[in-house]
Amino acid sequence: MLLLKQFAGGDREPCELDWDALPYLAPEARLSQLARWCLDAAADARTFGLKIPGARLPLGAGPQHLGACLEALALCETGER
């Protein structure tokens, strides 16, 4: 059984979501995982940044930042088809 303890409140460290952190996944799966992490970080009110081929979005938070990250993922050209 896996137990996880979460603390309410307090400062959360920003997270950098990086394409290169997922070398074992195919391009479409990487995009999907990064989108999931963006949605999770936004739902948790965390500050996050995104690094993908051709784009790097700085740390940010809020609905506009989430939208910019999801748009960058949707438009991402991985060079692999």
Protein backbone atom coordinates (compact mmCIF):
# COMPACT_ATOMS: atom_id res chain seq x y z
CA MET A 1 0.00 0.00 0.00
CA LEU A 2 1.38 3.39 -1.00
CA LEU A 3 0.79 6.21 1.43
CA LEU A 4 1.09 9.85 0.48
CA LYS A 5 1.07 12.75 2.87
CA GLN A 6 0.04 16.16 1.59
CA PHE A 7 0.25 19.31 3.62
CA ALA A 8 -2.39 21.99 3.26
CA GLY A 9 -1.25 25.53 2.71
CA GLY A 10 2.33 26.67 2.81
CA ASP A 11 4.61 27.39 -0.07
CA ARG A 12 4.80 24.96 -2.94
CA GLU A 13 7.97 24.74 -4.95
CA PRO A 14 7.61 25.69 -8.60
CA CYS A 15 8.00 22.85 -11.07
CA GLU A 16 9.67 22.83 -14.45
CA LEU A 17 7.92 20.47 -16.86
CA ASP A 18 10.54 19.31 -19.35
CA TRP A 19 10.21 17.33 -22.58
CA ASP A 20 13.64 15.81 -21.95
CA ALA A 21 12.46 14.27 -18.67
CA LEU A 22 10.42 11.72 -20.64
CA PRO A 23 12.91 10.11 -23.07
CA TYR A 24 11.23 6.70 -22.81
CA LEU A 25 7.92 7.93 -24.28
CA ALA A 26 6.94 8.44 -27.92
CA PRO A 27 6.37 12.09 -28.94
CA GLU A 28 2.55 11.96 -28.71
CA ALA A 29 2.75 10.28 -25.30
CA ARG A 30 5.21 12.95 -24.10
CA LEU A 31 2.82 15.70 -25.20
CA SER A 32 -0.05 13.95 -23.44
CA GLN A 33 1.91 13.50 -20.20
CA LEU A 34 3.10 17.11 -20.20
CA ALA A 35 -0.48 18.33 -20.77
CA ARG A 36 -1.65 16.20 -17.84
CA TRP A 37 1.10 17.63 -15.62
CA CYS A 38 0.16 21.19 -16.67
CA LEU A 39 -3.47 20.56 -15.77
CA ASP A 40 -2.49 18.96 -12.45
CA ALA A 41 -0.13 21.81 -11.54
CA ALA A 42 -2.78 24.41 -12.38
CA ALA A 43 -5.43 22.55 -10.36
CA ASP A 44 -3.00 22.51 -7.44
CA ALA A 45 -2.36 26.28 -7.85
CA ARG A 46 1.35 25.60 -8.43
CA THR A 47 3.73 27.78 -10.36
CA PHE A 48 5.16 25.87 -13.30
CA GLY A 49 7.17 26.31 -16.46
CA LEU A 50 7.28 24.26 -19.64
CA LYS A 51 10.18 23.28 -21.90
CA ILE A 52 9.39 21.55 -25.19
CA PRO A 53 11.07 21.45 -28.61
CA GLY A 54 10.94 24.95 -30.07
CA ALA A 55 9.46 26.64 -26.98
CA ARG A 56 10.21 27.46 -23.40
CA LEU A 57 7.55 29.06 -21.22
CA PRO A 58 8.82 30.66 -18.02
CA LEU A 59 7.42 29.95 -14.59
CA GLY A 60 3.90 31.22 -14.22
CA ALA A 61 0.49 30.41 -12.79
CA GLY A 62 -3.17 31.00 -13.44
CA PRO A 63 -5.59 30.33 -16.27
CA GLN A 64 -3.74 32.43 -18.87
CA HIS A 65 -0.47 30.62 -18.18
CA LEU A 66 -2.19 27.24 -18.36
CA GLY A 67 -3.78 28.23 -21.68
CA ALA A 68 -0.42 29.35 -23.08
CA CYS A 69 1.20 26.06 -22.05
CA LEU A 70 -1.60 23.94 -23.52
CA GLU A 71 -1.48 25.96 -26.74
CA ALA A 72 2.29 25.47 -26.99
CA LEU A 73 1.80 21.73 -26.53
CA ALA A 74 -0.93 21.64 -29.19
CA LEU A 75 1.30 23.44 -31.69
CA CYS A 76 4.49 21.59 -30.80
CA GLU A 77 6.49 20.33 -33.77
CA THR A 78 8.52 17.34 -32.61
CA GLY A 79 10.03 16.60 -36.00
CA GLU A 80 8.82 13.01 -35.73
CA ARG A 81 5.86 11.79 -37.73
